Amino acid sequence: MNESVASGLRAWTIQRLSAVYMLAFVLYAGISYTMADATGFDPWLSWISHPFNNIVVGLFIFSLLFHAWVGARDIVLDYVKPHGFRLVKLAFLALLLIAMGLWALKILLTVVAI
C-alpha cells in the first residue's frame, strides 16, 4: 500500500472513529442531562462540574476539533491548488482550531475550579 493510500485510509478511519465518539457523547449527554432534570445554569454547572462529565466533554471537544481538522485539511489539499496558498490556509486553520481548543480547555478547567 503506498503512502497516499495509507494517509487517506488513516484520515477516513479517524473521521469515522471521531464521529462515532461524538454520536455516543451526544446520546449520553442528552440522556444524562434530561434524566438529571437540569433546567437552568446551576444544574448545568453541577452536571458539567462532575469529573466524569467534564472529561467526556473535553474528549468531545478534542474529537470535534480533530474531526474538523481532518475534514478541512482534506478539502484544502484536494481543492486548493497553489501550494503557497494551501500552506497559508492550513496554517490559519491549525491556529484557529488550536485557539478554540485552548479556549474550551480554559472554560472546562474554570468550571472544575468553581
C-alpha atoms as a PDB file:
ATOM      1  CA  MET A   1       0.000   0.000   0.000  1.00  0.00           C
ATOM      2  CA  ASN A   2       1.509   3.320  -0.982  1.00  0.00           C
ATOM      3  CA  GLU A   3       1.828   6.290   1.380  1.00  0.00           C
ATOM      4  CA  SER A   4      -1.001   8.286  -0.220  1.00  0.00           C
ATOM      5  CA  VAL A   5      -3.489   5.433   0.185  1.00  0.00           C
ATOM      6  CA  ALA A   6      -2.392   4.810   3.779  1.00  0.00           C
ATOM      7  CA  SER A   7      -2.779   8.517   4.569  1.00  0.00           C
ATOM      8  CA  GLY A   8      -6.262   8.584   3.045  1.00  0.00           C
ATOM      9  CA  LEU A   9      -7.292   5.444   4.911  1.00  0.00           C
ATOM     10  CA  ARG A  10      -5.929   6.871   8.161  1.00  0.00           C
ATOM     11  CA  ALA A  11      -7.886  10.109   7.657  1.00  0.00           C
ATOM     12  CA  TRP A  12     -11.039   8.148   6.812  1.00  0.00           C
ATOM     13  CA  THR A  13     -10.637   5.984   9.926  1.00  0.00           C
ATOM     14  CA  ILE A  14     -10.040   8.992  12.181  1.00  0.00           C
ATOM     15  CA  GLN A  15     -13.136  10.717  10.778  1.00  0.00           C
ATOM     16  CA  ARG A  16     -15.303   7.652  11.402  1.00  0.00           C
ATOM     17  CA  LEU A  17     -13.976   6.991  14.920  1.00  0.00           C
ATOM     18  CA  SER A  18     -14.363  10.612  15.974  1.00  0.00           C
ATOM     19  CA  ALA A  19     -17.891  10.669  14.532  1.00  0.00           C
ATOM     20  CA  VAL A  20     -18.817   7.526  16.489  1.00  0.00           C
ATOM     21  CA  TYR A  21     -17.473   9.047  19.716  1.00  0.00           C
ATOM     22  CA  MET A  22     -19.308  12.321  19.096  1.00  0.00           C
ATOM     23  CA  LEU A  23     -22.573  10.463  18.458  1.00  0.00           C
ATOM     24  CA  ALA A  24     -22.099   8.404  21.628  1.00  0.00           C
ATOM     25  CA  PHE A  25     -21.372  11.575  23.592  1.00  0.00           C
ATOM     26  CA  VAL A  26     -24.434  13.398  22.272  1.00  0.00           C
ATOM     27  CA  LEU A  27     -26.616  10.426  23.224  1.00  0.00           C
ATOM     28  CA  TYR A  28     -25.014  10.159  26.685  1.00  0.00           C
ATOM     29  CA  ALA A  29     -25.184  13.899  27.354  1.00  0.00           C
ATOM     30  CA  GLY A  30     -28.764  14.160  26.134  1.00  0.00           C
ATOM     31  CA  ILE A  31     -29.968  11.242  28.230  1.00  0.00           C
ATOM     32  CA  SER A  32     -27.879  12.147  31.283  1.00  0.00           C
ATOM     33  CA  TYR A  33     -28.833  15.810  31.243  1.00  0.00           C
ATOM     34  CA  THR A  34     -32.511  15.044  30.644  1.00  0.00           C
ATOM     35  CA  MET A  35     -32.639  12.458  33.435  1.00  0.00           C
ATOM     36  CA  ALA A  36     -30.984  14.940  35.809  1.00  0.00           C
ATOM     37  CA  ASP A  37     -33.882  17.315  35.066  1.00  0.00           C
ATOM     38  CA  ALA A  38     -31.360  20.085  34.660  1.00  0.00           C
ATOM     39  CA  THR A  39     -33.140  23.236  33.624  1.00  0.00           C
ATOM     40  CA  GLY A  40     -31.036  26.286  34.269  1.00  0.00           C
ATOM     41  CA  PHE A  41     -27.471  27.318  34.870  1.00  0.00           C
ATOM     42  CA  ASP A  42     -26.917  25.835  38.345  1.00  0.00           C
ATOM     43  CA  PRO A  43     -28.000  22.278  37.418  1.00  0.00           C
ATOM     44  CA  TRP A  44     -25.907  22.509  34.239  1.00  0.00           C
ATOM     45  CA  LEU A  45     -22.908  23.700  36.257  1.00  0.00           C
ATOM     46  CA  SER A  46     -23.381  20.831  38.678  1.00  0.00           C
ATOM     47  CA  TRP A  47     -23.627  18.353  35.786  1.00  0.00           C
ATOM     48  CA  ILE A  48     -20.554  19.598  33.926  1.00  0.00           C
ATOM     49  CA  SER A  49     -18.520  20.013  37.137  1.00  0.00           C
ATOM     50  CA  HIS A  50     -18.679  16.282  37.774  1.00  0.00           C
ATOM     51  CA  PRO A  51     -15.213  14.947  36.845  1.00  0.00           C
ATOM     52  CA  PHE A  52     -16.523  12.217  34.513  1.00  0.00           C
ATOM     53  CA  ASN A  53     -18.764  14.609  32.605  1.00  0.00           C
ATOM     54  CA  ASN A  54     -16.008  17.209  32.416  1.00  0.00           C
ATOM     55  CA  ILE A  55     -13.609  14.628  30.948  1.00  0.00           C
ATOM     56  CA  VAL A  56     -16.086  13.340  28.358  1.00  0.00           C
ATOM     57  CA  VAL A  57     -16.934  16.920  27.352  1.00  0.00           C
ATOM     58  CA  GLY A  58     -13.209  17.618  26.959  1.00  0.00           C
ATOM     59  CA  LEU A  59     -12.801  14.488  24.840  1.00  0.00           C
ATOM     60  CA  PHE A  60     -15.820  15.541  22.790  1.00  0.00           C
ATOM     61  CA  ILE A  61     -14.295  18.949  22.102  1.00  0.00           C
ATOM     62  CA  PHE A  62     -10.926  17.397  21.213  1.00  0.00           C
ATOM     63  CA  SER A  63     -12.676  14.883  18.959  1.00  0.00           C
ATOM     64  CA  LEU A  64     -14.729  17.631  17.302  1.00  0.00           C
ATOM     65  CA  LEU A  65     -11.655  19.780  16.634  1.00  0.00           C
ATOM     66  CA  PHE A  66      -9.683  16.812  15.316  1.00  0.00           C
ATOM     67  CA  HIS A  67     -12.628  15.778  13.128  1.00  0.00           C
ATOM     68  CA  ALA A  68     -12.823  19.329  11.767  1.00  0.00           C
ATOM     69  CA  TRP A  69      -9.059  19.394  11.123  1.00  0.00           C
ATOM     70  CA  VAL A  70      -9.072  16.126   9.161  1.00  0.00           C
ATOM     71  CA  GLY A  71     -12.099  17.116   7.084  1.00  0.00           C
ATOM     72  CA  ALA A  72     -10.992  20.668   6.341  1.00  0.00           C
ATOM     73  CA  ARG A  73      -7.411  19.547   5.661  1.00  0.00           C
ATOM     74  CA  ASP A  74      -8.638  17.031   3.098  1.00  0.00           C
ATOM     75  CA  ILE A  75     -10.787  19.676   1.409  1.00  0.00           C
ATOM     76  CA  VAL A  76      -7.892  22.154   1.267  1.00  0.00           C
ATOM     77  CA  LEU A  77      -5.478  19.502  -0.027  1.00  0.00           C
ATOM     78  CA  ASP A  78      -7.941  18.362  -2.688  1.00  0.00           C
ATOM     79  CA  TYR A  79      -9.229  21.704  -3.941  1.00  0.00           C
ATOM     80  CA  VAL A  80      -6.674  24.450  -3.233  1.00  0.00           C
ATOM     81  CA  LYS A  81      -4.038  24.239  -5.953  1.00  0.00           C
ATOM     82  CA  PRO A  82      -1.398  26.928  -5.368  1.00  0.00           C
ATOM     83  CA  HIS A  83       0.883  25.249  -2.812  1.00  0.00           C
ATOM     84  CA  GLY A  84       1.761  28.515  -1.056  1.00  0.00           C
ATOM     85  CA  PHE A  85      -1.892  29.445  -0.595  1.00  0.00           C
ATOM     86  CA  ARG A  86      -2.619  25.880   0.547  1.00  0.00           C
ATOM     87  CA  LEU A  87       0.062  26.162   3.231  1.00  0.00           C
ATOM     88  CA  VAL A  88      -1.307  29.520   4.422  1.00  0.00           C
ATOM     89  CA  LYS A  89      -4.849  28.122   4.623  1.00  0.00           C
ATOM     90  CA  LEU A  90      -3.705  25.042   6.547  1.00  0.00           C
ATOM     91  CA  ALA A  91      -1.622  27.137   8.957  1.00  0.00           C
ATOM     92  CA  PHE A  92      -4.556  29.505   9.581  1.00  0.00           C
ATOM     93  CA  LEU A  93      -6.905  26.563  10.101  1.00  0.00           C
ATOM     94  CA  ALA A  94      -4.480  24.902  12.522  1.00  0.00           C
ATOM     95  CA  LEU A  95      -4.048  28.108  14.523  1.00  0.00           C
ATOM     96  CA  LEU A  96      -7.803  28.671  14.623  1.00  0.00           C
ATOM     97  CA  LEU A  97      -8.520  25.131  15.840  1.00  0.00           C
ATOM     98  CA  ILE A  98      -5.717  25.276  18.422  1.00  0.00           C
ATOM     99  CA  ALA A  99      -7.044  28.602  19.718  1.00  0.00           C
ATOM    100  CA  MET A 100     -10.569  27.187  20.007  1.00  0.00           C
ATOM    101  CA  GLY A 101      -9.228  24.096  21.769  1.00  0.00           C
ATOM    102  CA  LEU A 102      -7.277  26.184  24.286  1.00  0.00           C
ATOM    103  CA  TRP A 103     -10.315  28.385  24.875  1.00  0.00           C
ATOM    104  CA  ALA A 104     -12.503  25.321  25.507  1.00  0.00           C
ATOM    105  CA  LEU A 105      -9.853  23.853  27.839  1.00  0.00           C
ATOM    106  CA  LYS A 106      -9.742  27.108  29.808  1.00  0.00           C
ATOM    107  CA  ILE A 107     -13.528  27.042  30.173  1.00  0.00           C
ATOM    108  CA  LEU A 108     -13.558  23.399  31.306  1.00  0.00           C
ATOM    109  CA  LEU A 109     -10.785  23.997  33.837  1.00  0.00           C
ATOM    110  CA  THR A 110     -12.597  27.086  35.127  1.00  0.00           C
ATOM    111  CA  VAL A 111     -15.789  25.082  35.621  1.00  0.00           C
ATOM    112  CA  VAL A 112     -13.922  22.422  37.602  1.00  0.00           C
ATOM    113  CA  ALA A 113     -12.321  25.097  39.791  1.00  0.00           C
ATOM    114  CA  ILE A 114     -15.691  26.657  40.725  1.00  0.00           C
END
